[in-house]
């Protein structure tokens, strides 16, 4: 019985907390009972508190690793919905971006991506990286970078052999979301077009969402991505899995300039009004 009395069904971790004995009747032994050490209410509270801290630290470390693996340029790491410069013109896109982010699991299940296009400076990249950072902060694996970065990585890893390229391709495939920024800005060549097709096709076959941003109208993007054989398979893949969203608004620099001009004129009018009183 002495050996049984010393048994404790509790991890070594609990020994650092305050305990109290709890006596209970043991059905297996008709001649007595045994005593187990259990946590006091204060010890239990401290246990749960420290356990939560450990879990939070693990999650934060996981988030940091996701961000390091995302290939995101440092300048885009500050793109968040909290920092979004919202105007009457771009409010729809702000709301749409939040809707997509908050319901990403549903869009992922249906393999619903986005083709965000419009004139330079309208906030396409900012919006896409807002989505990326929101998802990363919530533990979703995202790769988000420009097409030029992807092409540079392909050149770099190709020089190391097939194994390195296989690892890179697997990362593109495993990501819950792949964001390709500024597609169409790259120089055209047969090699470049073929590599872009390989990336798009790889993503297409993974059946996971893709977000593409471009300054080109859809028809112009199609021409840009078409090889000399005239086959539009790259664009066709994109169009099949990405919903086109046109950011048909004035560039943000123009909007901000107009707002500053209005503010300046209002201030000037107020000064004139007071001077005439």
C-alpha atoms as a PDB file:
ATOM      1  CA  UNK A   1       0.000   0.000   0.000  1.00  0.00           C
ATOM      2  CA  UNK A   2       2.890   2.382   0.739  1.00  0.00           C
ATOM      3  CA  UNK A   3       3.983   2.290  -2.914  1.00  0.00           C
ATOM      4  CA  UNK A   4       0.459   2.991  -4.128  1.00  0.00           C
ATOM      5  CA  UNK A   5       0.143   5.899  -1.713  1.00  0.00           C
ATOM      6  CA  UNK A   6       3.112   7.575  -3.383  1.00  0.00           C
ATOM      7  CA  UNK A   7       1.647   7.387  -6.894  1.00  0.00           C
ATOM      8  CA  UNK A   8       0.634  10.725  -8.396  1.00  0.00           C
ATOM      9  CA  UNK A   9      -1.164  11.025 -11.716  1.00  0.00           C
ATOM     10  CA  UNK A  10       0.139  14.507 -12.387  1.00  0.00           C
ATOM     11  CA  UNK A  11       3.095  15.855 -14.374  1.00  0.00           C
ATOM     12  CA  UNK A  12       6.370  16.972 -12.795  1.00  0.00           C
ATOM     13  CA  UNK A  13       5.515  20.517 -13.807  1.00  0.00           C
ATOM     14  CA  UNK A  14       2.816  20.672 -11.114  1.00  0.00           C
ATOM     15  CA  UNK A  15       5.321  20.127  -8.315  1.00  0.00           C
ATOM     16  CA  UNK A  16       6.366  23.794  -8.533  1.00  0.00           C
ATOM     17  CA  UNK A  17       2.906  24.914  -7.444  1.00  0.00           C
ATOM     18  CA  UNK A  18       1.202  24.914  -4.063  1.00  0.00           C
ATOM     19  CA  UNK A  19      -0.638  21.638  -3.365  1.00  0.00           C
ATOM     20  CA  UNK A  20      -3.072  20.254  -0.815  1.00  0.00           C
ATOM     21  CA  UNK A  21      -3.829  16.599   0.008  1.00  0.00           C
ATOM     22  CA  UNK A  22      -7.139  15.132  -1.125  1.00  0.00           C
ATOM     23  CA  UNK A  23      -8.338  11.892   0.446  1.00  0.00           C
ATOM     24  CA  UNK A  24     -10.825   9.696  -1.322  1.00  0.00           C
ATOM     25  CA  UNK A  25     -12.121   6.133  -1.039  1.00  0.00           C
ATOM     26  CA  UNK A  26     -10.487   3.668  -3.439  1.00  0.00           C
ATOM     27  CA  UNK A  27     -12.882   0.937  -4.685  1.00  0.00           C
ATOM     28  CA  UNK A  28      -9.969  -1.306  -5.624  1.00  0.00           C
ATOM     29  CA  UNK A  29      -8.840  -1.685  -2.028  1.00  0.00           C
ATOM     30  CA  UNK A  30     -11.383  -2.513   0.628  1.00  0.00           C
ATOM     31  CA  UNK A  31      -8.979  -1.878   3.472  1.00  0.00           C
ATOM     32  CA  UNK A  32      -8.195   1.753   3.031  1.00  0.00           C
ATOM     33  CA  UNK A  33      -7.589   4.788   0.907  1.00  0.00           C
ATOM     34  CA  UNK A  34      -4.722   6.612  -0.704  1.00  0.00           C
ATOM     35  CA  UNK A  35      -3.772  10.276  -0.792  1.00  0.00           C
ATOM     36  CA  UNK A  36      -3.081  12.204  -3.995  1.00  0.00           C
ATOM     37  CA  UNK A  37      -1.538  15.662  -4.215  1.00  0.00           C
ATOM     38  CA  UNK A  38      -3.778  18.132  -6.058  1.00  0.00           C
ATOM     39  CA  UNK A  39      -3.439  21.831  -6.899  1.00  0.00           C
ATOM     40  CA  UNK A  40      -4.942  24.472  -4.664  1.00  0.00           C
ATOM     41  CA  UNK A  41      -7.232  27.048  -6.361  1.00  0.00           C
ATOM     42  CA  UNK A  42      -4.319  29.508  -6.430  1.00  0.00           C
ATOM     43  CA  UNK A  43      -1.958  26.858  -7.765  1.00  0.00           C
ATOM     44  CA  UNK A  44      -4.489  25.893 -10.417  1.00  0.00           C
ATOM     45  CA  UNK A  45      -4.878  29.550 -11.463  1.00  0.00           C
ATOM     46  CA  UNK A  46      -1.098  29.945 -11.722  1.00  0.00           C
ATOM     47  CA  UNK A  47      -0.842  26.695 -13.676  1.00  0.00           C
ATOM     48  CA  UNK A  48      -3.420  27.874 -16.236  1.00  0.00           C
ATOM     49  CA  UNK A  49      -1.817  31.317 -16.442  1.00  0.00           C
ATOM     50  CA  UNK A  50       1.658  29.921 -17.162  1.00  0.00           C
ATOM     51  CA  UNK A  51       0.250  27.356 -19.564  1.00  0.00           C
ATOM     52  CA  UNK A  52      -1.460  30.135 -21.550  1.00  0.00           C
ATOM     53  CA  UNK A  53       1.788  32.137 -21.619  1.00  0.00           C
ATOM     54  CA  UNK A  54       3.619  29.136 -23.041  1.00  0.00           C
ATOM     55  CA  UNK A  55       0.962  28.625 -25.716  1.00  0.00           C
ATOM     56  CA  UNK A  56       1.007  32.338 -26.600  1.00  0.00           C
ATOM     57  CA  UNK A  57       4.800  32.299 -26.932  1.00  0.00           C
ATOM     58  CA  UNK A  58       4.659  29.224 -29.159  1.00  0.00           C
ATOM     59  CA  UNK A  59       2.040  30.892 -31.356  1.00  0.00           C
ATOM     60  CA  UNK A  60       4.049  34.132 -31.611  1.00  0.00           C
ATOM     61  CA  UNK A  61       7.168  32.162 -32.580  1.00  0.00           C
ATOM     62  CA  UNK A  62       5.104  30.330 -35.191  1.00  0.00           C
ATOM     63  CA  UNK A  63       3.827  33.660 -36.566  1.00  0.00           C
ATOM     64  CA  UNK A  64       7.380  35.021 -36.771  1.00  0.00           C
ATOM     65  CA  UNK A  65       8.470  31.961 -38.745  1.00  0.00           C
ATOM     66  CA  UNK A  66       5.498  32.346 -41.102  1.00  0.00           C
ATOM     67  CA  UNK A  67       6.470  35.973 -41.718  1.00  0.00           C
ATOM     68  CA  UNK A  68      10.105  35.074 -42.364  1.00  0.00           C
ATOM     69  CA  UNK A  69       9.013  32.411 -44.858  1.00  0.00           C
ATOM     70  CA  UNK A  70       6.489  34.705 -46.595  1.00  0.00           C
ATOM     71  CA  UNK A  71       9.146  36.357 -48.857  1.00  0.00           C
ATOM     72  CA  UNK A  72       7.428  39.665 -48.073  1.00  0.00           C
ATOM     73  CA  UNK A  73       9.473  42.816 -48.584  1.00  0.00           C
ATOM     74  CA  UNK A  74       9.950  44.794 -45.359  1.00  0.00           C
ATOM     75  CA  UNK A  75       8.151  47.834 -46.770  1.00  0.00           C
ATOM     76  CA  UNK A  76       4.922  45.812 -47.025  1.00  0.00           C
ATOM     77  CA  UNK A  77       4.990  44.497 -43.450  1.00  0.00           C
ATOM     78  CA  UNK A  78       3.285  47.692 -42.266  1.00  0.00           C
ATOM     79  CA  UNK A  79       0.377  47.233 -44.673  1.00  0.00           C
ATOM     80  CA  UNK A  80      -2.575  46.547 -42.383  1.00  0.00           C
ATOM     81  CA  UNK A  81      -6.251  47.390 -42.386  1.00  0.00           C
ATOM     82  CA  UNK A  82      -5.559  49.630 -39.377  1.00  0.00           C
ATOM     83  CA  UNK A  83      -3.144  51.665 -41.526  1.00  0.00           C
ATOM     84  CA  UNK A  84      -5.420  51.705 -44.577  1.00  0.00           C
ATOM     85  CA  UNK A  85      -5.956  55.253 -45.901  1.00  0.00           C
ATOM     86  CA  UNK A  86      -9.712  55.013 -46.293  1.00  0.00           C
ATOM     87  CA  UNK A  87     -11.645  57.407 -48.543  1.00  0.00           C
ATOM     88  CA  UNK A  88     -15.155  57.424 -49.984  1.00  0.00           C
ATOM     89  CA  UNK A  89     -13.691  56.141 -53.250  1.00  0.00           C
ATOM     90  CA  UNK A  90     -11.763  53.188 -51.864  1.00  0.00           C
ATOM     91  CA  UNK A  91     -14.092  52.244 -48.983  1.00  0.00           C
ATOM     92  CA  UNK A  92     -15.624  49.415 -51.026  1.00  0.00           C
ATOM     93  CA  UNK A  93     -12.187  47.810 -51.553  1.00  0.00           C
ATOM     94  CA  UNK A  94     -11.332  48.216 -47.866  1.00  0.00           C
ATOM     95  CA  UNK A  95     -14.556  46.443 -46.870  1.00  0.00           C
ATOM     96  CA  UNK A  96     -14.092  43.778 -49.524  1.00  0.00           C
ATOM     97  CA  UNK A  97     -10.517  43.086 -48.362  1.00  0.00           C
ATOM     98  CA  UNK A  98     -11.665  42.656 -44.777  1.00  0.00           C
ATOM     99  CA  UNK A  99     -14.524  40.405 -45.871  1.00  0.00           C
ATOM    100  CA  UNK A 100     -12.154  38.194 -47.867  1.00  0.00           C
ATOM    101  CA  UNK A 101      -9.669  38.007 -44.980  1.00  0.00           C
ATOM    102  CA  UNK A 102     -12.217  37.215 -42.279  1.00  0.00           C
ATOM    103  CA  UNK A 103     -13.884  34.541 -44.408  1.00  0.00           C
ATOM    104  CA  UNK A 104     -10.689  33.161 -45.904  1.00  0.00           C
ATOM    105  CA  UNK A 105     -11.349  29.561 -44.873  1.00  0.00           C
ATOM    106  CA  UNK A 106     -14.547  29.572 -46.927  1.00  0.00           C
ATOM    107  CA  UNK A 107     -12.795  31.106 -49.943  1.00  0.00           C
ATOM    108  CA  UNK A 108      -9.923  28.660 -49.530  1.00  0.00           C
ATOM    109  CA  UNK A 109     -12.312  25.699 -49.515  1.00  0.00           C
ATOM    110  CA  UNK A 110     -13.756  26.898 -52.827  1.00  0.00           C
ATOM    111  CA  UNK A 111     -10.349  27.913 -54.232  1.00  0.00           C
ATOM    112  CA  UNK A 112     -11.524  31.507 -54.776  1.00  0.00           C
ATOM    113  CA  UNK A 113      -8.689  33.896 -55.588  1.00  0.00           C
ATOM    114  CA  UNK A 114      -8.566  37.490 -56.824  1.00  0.00           C
ATOM    115  CA  UNK A 115      -7.210  39.342 -59.846  1.00  0.00           C
ATOM    116  CA  UNK A 116      -6.876  42.942 -58.632  1.00  0.00           C
ATOM    117  CA  UNK A 117      -6.149  45.343 -61.480  1.00  0.00           C
ATOM    118  CA  UNK A 118      -6.178  49.075 -62.132  1.00  0.00           C
ATOM    119  CA  UNK A 119      -4.025  52.125 -62.729  1.00  0.00           C
ATOM    120  CA  UNK A 120      -0.744  52.560 -60.815  1.00  0.00           C
ATOM    121  CA  UNK A 121      -1.072  54.115 -57.378  1.00  0.00           C
ATOM    122  CA  UNK A 122      -4.649  53.087 -56.601  1.00  0.00           C
ATOM    123  CA  UNK A 123      -3.643  50.850 -53.666  1.00  0.00           C
ATOM    124  CA  UNK A 124      -3.753  47.383 -55.236  1.00  0.00           C
ATOM    125  CA  UNK A 125      -0.532  46.213 -53.616  1.00  0.00           C
ATOM    126  CA  UNK A 126      -1.419  47.783 -50.275  1.00  0.00           C
ATOM    127  CA  UNK A 127      -4.777  46.004 -50.253  1.00  0.00           C
ATOM    128  CA  UNK A 128      -3.280  42.625 -51.131  1.00  0.00           C
ATOM    129  CA  UNK A 129      -0.607  42.925 -48.427  1.00  0.00           C
ATOM    130  CA  UNK A 130      -3.259  43.985 -45.894  1.00  0.00           C
ATOM    131  CA  UNK A 131      -4.914  40.642 -46.618  1.00  0.00           C
ATOM    132  CA  UNK A 132      -1.554  38.859 -46.329  1.00  0.00           C
ATOM    133  CA  UNK A 133      -0.638  40.429 -42.982  1.00  0.00           C
ATOM    134  CA  UNK A 134      -4.093  39.840 -41.519  1.00  0.00           C
ATOM    135  CA  UNK A 135      -3.870  36.141 -42.381  1.00  0.00           C
ATOM    136  CA  UNK A 136      -0.257  35.806 -41.213  1.00  0.00           C
ATOM    137  CA  UNK A 137      -1.191  37.341 -37.854  1.00  0.00           C
ATOM    138  CA  UNK A 138      -3.876  34.661 -37.564  1.00  0.00           C
ATOM    139  CA  UNK A 139      -1.528  31.770 -38.265  1.00  0.00           C
ATOM    140  CA  UNK A 140      -2.274  31.269 -41.965  1.00  0.00           C
ATOM    141  CA  UNK A 141       0.678  30.350 -44.186  1.00  0.00           C
ATOM    142  CA  UNK A 142       1.018  33.034 -46.875  1.00  0.00           C
ATOM    143  CA  UNK A 143       3.668  33.762 -49.497  1.00  0.00           C
ATOM    144  CA  UNK A 144       3.351  37.343 -50.735  1.00  0.00           C
ATOM    145  CA  UNK A 145       5.888  38.976 -53.034  1.00  0.00           C
ATOM    146  CA  UNK A 146       6.368  40.551 -56.444  1.00  0.00           C
ATOM    147  CA  UNK A 147       6.674  38.518 -59.616  1.00  0.00           C
ATOM    148  CA  UNK A 148      10.255  39.767 -59.928  1.00  0.00           C
ATOM    149  CA  UNK A 149      11.112  38.234 -56.528  1.00  0.00           C
ATOM    150  CA  UNK A 150       9.691  34.873 -57.596  1.00  0.00           C
ATOM    151  CA  UNK A 151      11.665  34.945 -60.851  1.00  0.00           C
ATOM    152  CA  UNK A 152      14.848  35.881 -58.971  1.00  0.00           C
ATOM    153  CA  UNK A 153      14.329  32.967 -56.581  1.00  0.00           C
ATOM    154  CA  UNK A 154      13.797  30.582 -59.496  1.00  0.00           C
ATOM    155  CA  UNK A 155      17.079  31.724 -61.091  1.00  0.00           C
ATOM    156  CA  UNK A 156      18.914  31.469 -57.777  1.00  0.00           C
ATOM    157  CA  UNK A 157      17.604  28.051 -56.781  1.00  0.00           C
ATOM    158  CA  UNK A 158      17.960  26.605 -60.285  1.00  0.00           C
ATOM    159  CA  UNK A 159      21.705  27.142 -60.028  1.00  0.00           C
ATOM    160  CA  UNK A 160      21.788  24.840 -56.975  1.00  0.00           C
ATOM    161  CA  UNK A 161      20.084  21.950 -58.747  1.00  0.00           C
ATOM    162  CA  UNK A 162      16.732  20.204 -58.755  1.00  0.00           C
ATOM    163  CA  UNK A 163      16.546  19.610 -54.995  1.00  0.00           C
ATOM    164  CA  UNK A 164      16.541  23.316 -54.167  1.00  0.00           C
ATOM    165  CA  UNK A 165      13.908  24.034 -56.813  1.00  0.00           C
ATOM    166  CA  UNK A 166      11.757  21.177 -55.537  1.00  0.00           C
ATOM    167  CA  UNK A 167      11.809  22.676 -52.040  1.00  0.00           C
ATOM    168  CA  UNK A 168      10.865  26.117 -53.400  1.00  0.00           C
ATOM    169  CA  UNK A 169       8.044  24.704 -55.524  1.00  0.00           C
ATOM    170  CA  UNK A 170       6.726  22.779 -52.534  1.00  0.00           C
ATOM    171  CA  UNK A 171       6.637  25.998 -50.505  1.00  0.00           C
ATOM    172  CA  UNK A 172       4.636  27.724 -53.243  1.00  0.00           C
ATOM    173  CA  UNK A 173       2.315  24.744 -53.332  1.00  0.00           C
ATOM    174  CA  UNK A 174       1.858  24.346 -49.558  1.00  0.00           C
ATOM    175  CA  UNK A 175       1.063  27.993 -48.809  1.00  0.00           C
ATOM    176  CA  UNK A 176      -2.589  28.537 -47.934  1.00  0.00           C
ATOM    177  CA  UNK A 177      -2.468  31.710 -50.037  1.00  0.00           C
ATOM    178  CA  UNK A 178      -0.021  32.849 -52.711  1.00  0.00           C
ATOM    179  CA  UNK A 179       0.030  36.548 -53.608  1.00  0.00           C
ATOM    180  CA  UNK A 180       1.861  37.604 -56.783  1.00  0.00           C
ATOM    181  CA  UNK A 181       2.235  41.367 -56.869  1.00  0.00           C
ATOM    182  CA  UNK A 182       2.752  43.496 -59.980  1.00  0.00           C
ATOM    183  CA  UNK A 183       2.341  40.745 -62.570  1.00  0.00           C
ATOM    184  CA  UNK A 184       2.992  42.139 -66.040  1.00  0.00           C
ATOM    185  CA  UNK A 185       5.777  44.490 -64.932  1.00  0.00           C
ATOM    186  CA  UNK A 186       8.442  41.925 -65.824  1.00  0.00           C
ATOM    187  CA  UNK A 187      10.331  41.925 -69.114  1.00  0.00           C
ATOM    188  CA  UNK A 188       8.913  39.489 -71.639  1.00  0.00           C
ATOM    189  CA  UNK A 189      10.849  36.486 -72.865  1.00  0.00           C
ATOM    190  CA  UNK A 190      10.082  32.865 -73.604  1.00  0.00           C
ATOM    191  CA  UNK A 191      11.954  31.803 -70.465  1.00  0.00           C
ATOM    192  CA  UNK A 192      10.136  34.286 -68.213  1.00  0.00           C
ATOM    193  CA  UNK A 193       6.714  33.420 -69.633  1.00  0.00           C
ATOM    194  CA  UNK A 194       7.394  29.711 -69.243  1.00  0.00           C
ATOM    195  CA  UNK A 195       8.434  30.137 -65.596  1.00  0.00           C
ATOM    196  CA  UNK A 196       5.380  32.263 -64.830  1.00  0.00           C
ATOM    197  CA  UNK A 197       3.208  29.550 -66.354  1.00  0.00           C
ATOM    198  CA  UNK A 198       4.910  26.902 -64.206  1.00  0.00           C
ATOM    199  CA  UNK A 199       4.191  28.903 -61.039  1.00  0.00           C
ATOM    200  CA  UNK A 200       0.568  29.591 -61.992  1.00  0.00           C
ATOM    201  CA  UNK A 201       0.008  25.985 -63.074  1.00  0.00           C
ATOM    202  CA  UNK A 202       1.583  24.670 -59.878  1.00  0.00           C
ATOM    203  CA  UNK A 203      -0.770  26.850 -57.870  1.00  0.00           C
ATOM    204  CA  UNK A 204      -3.729  25.882 -60.035  1.00  0.00           C
ATOM    205  CA  UNK A 205      -3.086  22.195 -59.422  1.00  0.00           C
ATOM    206  CA  UNK A 206      -2.678  22.729 -55.671  1.00  0.00           C
ATOM    207  CA  UNK A 207      -6.315  23.928 -55.583  1.00  0.00           C
ATOM    208  CA  UNK A 208      -5.429  26.729 -53.184  1.00  0.00           C
ATOM    209  CA  UNK A 209      -6.200  30.447 -53.607  1.00  0.00           C
ATOM    210  CA  UNK A 210      -4.074  32.844 -55.620  1.00  0.00           C
ATOM    211  CA  UNK A 211      -4.190  36.650 -55.539  1.00  0.00           C
ATOM    212  CA  UNK A 212      -2.638  38.560 -58.444  1.00  0.00           C
ATOM    213  CA  UNK A 213      -2.224  42.332 -58.714  1.00  0.00           C
ATOM    214  CA  UNK A 214      -1.424  44.086 -61.986  1.00  0.00           C
ATOM    215  CA  UNK A 215      -1.456  47.525 -63.598  1.00  0.00           C
ATOM    216  CA  UNK A 216      -2.651  45.952 -66.848  1.00  0.00           C
ATOM    217  CA  UNK A 217      -6.204  45.584 -68.084  1.00  0.00           C
ATOM    218  CA  UNK A 218      -7.192  41.892 -68.376  1.00  0.00           C
ATOM    219  CA  UNK A 219      -6.876  41.873 -72.189  1.00  0.00           C
ATOM    220  CA  UNK A 220      -3.419  43.440 -72.009  1.00  0.00           C
ATOM    221  CA  UNK A 221      -2.355  41.005 -69.308  1.00  0.00           C
ATOM    222  CA  UNK A 222      -3.495  38.150 -71.524  1.00  0.00           C
ATOM    223  CA  UNK A 223      -1.341  39.465 -74.390  1.00  0.00           C
ATOM    224  CA  UNK A 224       1.613  39.938 -72.044  1.00  0.00           C
ATOM    225  CA  UNK A 225       1.460  36.341 -70.820  1.00  0.00           C
ATOM    226  CA  UNK A 226       0.859  34.720 -74.219  1.00  0.00           C
ATOM    227  CA  UNK A 227       3.812  32.899 -75.748  1.00  0.00           C
ATOM    228  CA  UNK A 228       4.736  32.958 -79.411  1.00  0.00           C
ATOM    229  CA  UNK A 229       2.602  29.861 -79.925  1.00  0.00           C
ATOM    230  CA  UNK A 230      -0.456  32.063 -79.285  1.00  0.00           C
ATOM    231  CA  UNK A 231      -1.770  29.846 -76.490  1.00  0.00           C
ATOM    232  CA  UNK A 232      -3.229  31.799 -73.561  1.00  0.00           C
ATOM    233  CA  UNK A 233      -2.958  29.013 -71.005  1.00  0.00           C
ATOM    234  CA  UNK A 234      -1.308  31.147 -68.279  1.00  0.00           C
ATOM    235  CA  UNK A 235      -4.017  33.794 -68.340  1.00  0.00           C
ATOM    236  CA  UNK A 236      -6.723  31.145 -68.686  1.00  0.00           C
ATOM    237  CA  UNK A 237      -5.504  29.473 -65.481  1.00  0.00           C
ATOM    238  CA  UNK A 238      -5.545  32.804 -63.630  1.00  0.00           C
ATOM    239  CA  UNK A 239      -8.969  33.767 -64.911  1.00  0.00           C
ATOM    240  CA  UNK A 240     -10.437  30.399 -63.920  1.00  0.00           C
ATOM    241  CA  UNK A 241      -9.482  30.644 -60.244  1.00  0.00           C
ATOM    242  CA  UNK A 242      -9.297  34.430 -59.674  1.00  0.00           C
ATOM    243  CA  UNK A 243     -12.254  36.800 -59.566  1.00  0.00           C
ATOM    244  CA  UNK A 244     -11.401  40.073 -61.411  1.00  0.00           C
ATOM    245  CA  UNK A 245     -11.633  43.168 -59.181  1.00  0.00           C
ATOM    246  CA  UNK A 246     -10.974  46.521 -60.853  1.00  0.00           C
ATOM    247  CA  UNK A 247      -9.770  49.333 -58.588  1.00  0.00           C
ATOM    248  CA  UNK A 248     -11.281  52.024 -60.764  1.00  0.00           C
ATOM    249  CA  UNK A 249     -10.413  55.021 -58.615  1.00  0.00           C
ATOM    250  CA  UNK A 250      -8.036  57.953 -58.710  1.00  0.00           C
ATOM    251  CA  UNK A 251      -4.482  57.316 -57.488  1.00  0.00           C
ATOM    252  CA  UNK A 252      -4.159  57.902 -53.746  1.00  0.00           C
ATOM    253  CA  UNK A 253      -1.543  60.612 -54.284  1.00  0.00           C
ATOM    254  CA  UNK A 254      -4.088  62.587 -56.308  1.00  0.00           C
ATOM    255  CA  UNK A 255      -6.784  62.067 -53.662  1.00  0.00           C
ATOM    256  CA  UNK A 256      -4.441  63.147 -50.863  1.00  0.00           C
ATOM    257  CA  UNK A 257      -3.358  66.177 -52.904  1.00  0.00           C
ATOM    258  CA  UNK A 258      -6.960  67.266 -53.385  1.00  0.00           C
ATOM    259  CA  UNK A 259      -7.709  66.821 -49.694  1.00  0.00           C
ATOM    260  CA  UNK A 260      -4.699  68.960 -48.753  1.00  0.00           C
ATOM    261  CA  UNK A 261      -5.769  71.639 -51.223  1.00  0.00           C
ATOM    262  CA  UNK A 262      -9.298  71.705 -49.786  1.00  0.00           C
ATOM    263  CA  UNK A 263      -7.900  71.873 -46.244  1.00  0.00           C
ATOM    264  CA  UNK A 264      -5.587  74.733 -47.224  1.00  0.00           C
ATOM    265  CA  UNK A 265      -8.424  76.702 -48.831  1.00  0.00           C
ATOM    266  CA  UNK A 266     -10.664  76.144 -45.803  1.00  0.00           C
ATOM    267  CA  UNK A 267      -7.925  77.443 -43.517  1.00  0.00           C
ATOM    268  CA  UNK A 268      -7.356  80.459 -45.773  1.00  0.00           C
ATOM    269  CA  UNK A 269     -11.076  81.247 -45.857  1.00  0.00           C
ATOM    270  CA  UNK A 270     -11.268  80.994 -42.074  1.00  0.00           C
ATOM    271  CA  UNK A 271      -8.360  83.430 -41.711  1.00  0.00           C
ATOM    272  CA  UNK A 272     -10.042  85.869 -44.105  1.00  0.00           C
ATOM    273  CA  UNK A 273     -13.338  85.545 -42.251  1.00  0.00           C
ATOM    274  CA  UNK A 274     -11.743  86.334 -38.901  1.00  0.00           C
ATOM    275  CA  UNK A 275      -9.774  89.269 -40.324  1.00  0.00           C
ATOM    276  CA  UNK A 276     -12.992  90.814 -41.653  1.00  0.00           C
ATOM    277  CA  UNK A 277     -14.815  90.587 -38.337  1.00  0.00           C
END
